[in-house]
Amino acid sequence: MKTLNDMGLASASHIETGFHGWRDDGLPIVTYDEWTAARSG
């Protein structure tokens, strides 16, 4: 949760199916490098 909050997600909870469920449902995934590049403008 702390990592998600640090990344700007104000309200974090658990994902029942975990990361693999998120990915398998086709939801967006951003790598750390993509995230830091986007934040640096």
N, C-alpha and C. Protein backbone atom coordinates (compact mmCIF):
# COMPACT_ATOMS: atom_id res chain seq x y z
N MET A 1 0.81 -1.19 0.00
CA MET A 1 0.00 0.00 0.00
C MET A 1 0.86 1.26 0.00
N LYS A 2 1.93 1.25 0.77
CA LYS A 2 2.77 2.45 0.85
C LYS A 2 3.31 2.82 -0.52
N THR A 3 3.76 1.82 -1.27
CA THR A 3 4.28 2.10 -2.61
C THR A 3 3.21 2.73 -3.49
N LEU A 4 2.00 2.19 -3.46
CA LEU A 4 0.92 2.77 -4.26
C LEU A 4 0.62 4.20 -3.81
N ASN A 5 0.60 4.44 -2.52
CA ASN A 5 0.38 5.79 -2.02
C ASN A 5 1.51 6.71 -2.46
N ASP A 6 2.75 6.23 -2.39
CA ASP A 6 3.90 7.03 -2.82
C ASP A 6 3.83 7.36 -4.31
N MET A 7 3.19 6.49 -5.09
CA MET A 7 3.07 6.70 -6.52
C MET A 7 1.88 7.58 -6.89
N GLY A 8 1.15 8.05 -5.86
CA GLY A 8 0.08 8.99 -6.12
C GLY A 8 -1.32 8.42 -6.07
N LEU A 9 -1.46 7.14 -5.76
CA LEU A 9 -2.78 6.54 -5.63
C LEU A 9 -3.28 6.84 -4.22
N ALA A 10 -4.22 7.78 -4.13
CA ALA A 10 -4.66 8.26 -2.82
C ALA A 10 -5.40 7.20 -2.01
N SER A 11 -6.18 6.38 -2.67
CA SER A 11 -6.98 5.39 -1.95
C SER A 11 -6.64 4.01 -2.50
N ALA A 12 -5.87 3.26 -1.75
CA ALA A 12 -5.45 1.94 -2.21
C ALA A 12 -6.10 0.86 -1.36
N SER A 13 -6.39 -0.24 -2.00
CA SER A 13 -6.95 -1.41 -1.33
C SER A 13 -6.28 -2.63 -1.95
N HIS A 14 -6.65 -3.81 -1.52
CA HIS A 14 -6.04 -4.98 -2.14
C HIS A 14 -6.82 -5.37 -3.40
N ILE A 15 -6.14 -6.05 -4.29
CA ILE A 15 -6.76 -6.55 -5.51
C ILE A 15 -6.94 -8.05 -5.29
N GLU A 16 -8.19 -8.50 -5.27
CA GLU A 16 -8.49 -9.89 -4.91
C GLU A 16 -7.71 -10.89 -5.76
N THR A 17 -7.59 -10.64 -7.04
CA THR A 17 -6.91 -11.60 -7.92
C THR A 17 -5.42 -11.30 -8.08
N GLY A 18 -4.94 -10.28 -7.40
CA GLY A 18 -3.52 -9.95 -7.45
C GLY A 18 -3.09 -9.34 -8.77
N PHE A 19 -1.80 -9.19 -8.91
CA PHE A 19 -1.24 -8.58 -10.12
C PHE A 19 -1.61 -9.37 -11.36
N HIS A 20 -1.54 -10.68 -11.27
CA HIS A 20 -1.81 -11.50 -12.46
C HIS A 20 -3.25 -11.33 -12.92
N GLY A 21 -4.17 -11.22 -11.97
CA GLY A 21 -5.57 -10.99 -12.34
C GLY A 21 -5.74 -9.65 -13.01
N TRP A 22 -5.05 -8.64 -12.48
CA TRP A 22 -5.09 -7.29 -13.07
C TRP A 22 -4.61 -7.36 -14.51
N ARG A 23 -3.45 -7.97 -14.70
CA ARG A 23 -2.85 -8.09 -16.04
C ARG A 23 -3.74 -8.91 -16.96
N ASP A 24 -4.24 -10.05 -16.47
CA ASP A 24 -5.07 -10.93 -17.29
C ASP A 24 -6.38 -10.27 -17.70
N ASP A 25 -6.86 -9.32 -16.91
CA ASP A 25 -8.07 -8.58 -17.27
C ASP A 25 -7.80 -7.45 -18.25
N GLY A 26 -6.53 -7.30 -18.66
CA GLY A 26 -6.18 -6.29 -19.65
C GLY A 26 -6.12 -4.87 -19.10
N LEU A 27 -5.98 -4.75 -17.79
CA LEU A 27 -5.92 -3.42 -17.18
C LEU A 27 -4.52 -2.84 -17.35
N PRO A 28 -4.39 -1.51 -17.27
CA PRO A 28 -3.11 -0.87 -17.59
C PRO A 28 -2.01 -1.22 -16.60
N ILE A 29 -0.83 -1.43 -17.14
CA ILE A 29 0.37 -1.68 -16.34
C ILE A 29 1.44 -0.71 -16.84
N VAL A 30 2.06 -0.02 -15.91
CA VAL A 30 3.12 0.93 -16.24
C VAL A 30 4.37 0.50 -15.49
N THR A 31 5.48 0.39 -16.19
CA THR A 31 6.72 0.04 -15.52
C THR A 31 7.21 1.22 -14.69
N TYR A 32 8.10 0.94 -13.77
CA TYR A 32 8.67 2.00 -12.94
C TYR A 32 9.37 3.03 -13.82
N ASP A 33 10.11 2.58 -14.83
CA ASP A 33 10.81 3.51 -15.73
C ASP A 33 9.83 4.39 -16.49
N GLU A 34 8.72 3.82 -16.96
CA GLU A 34 7.69 4.62 -17.65
C GLU A 34 7.08 5.63 -16.70
N TRP A 35 6.83 5.20 -15.48
CA TRP A 35 6.22 6.08 -14.48
C TRP A 35 7.14 7.25 -14.14
N THR A 36 8.43 6.97 -13.92
CA THR A 36 9.35 8.06 -13.56
C THR A 36 9.56 9.00 -14.75
N ALA A 37 9.59 8.46 -15.98
CA ALA A 37 9.74 9.32 -17.16
C ALA A 37 8.54 10.25 -17.31
N ALA A 38 7.34 9.73 -17.05
CA ALA A 38 6.14 10.53 -17.18
C ALA A 38 6.11 11.64 -16.11
N ARG A 39 6.61 11.35 -14.94
CA ARG A 39 6.60 12.33 -13.85
C ARG A 39 7.66 13.42 -14.05
N SER A 40 8.72 13.10 -14.77
CA SER A 40 9.79 14.08 -14.93
C SER A 40 9.48 15.08 -16.05
N GLY A 41 8.40 14.81 -16.78
CA GLY A 41 7.93 15.75 -17.80
C GLY A 41 8.73 15.74 -19.01
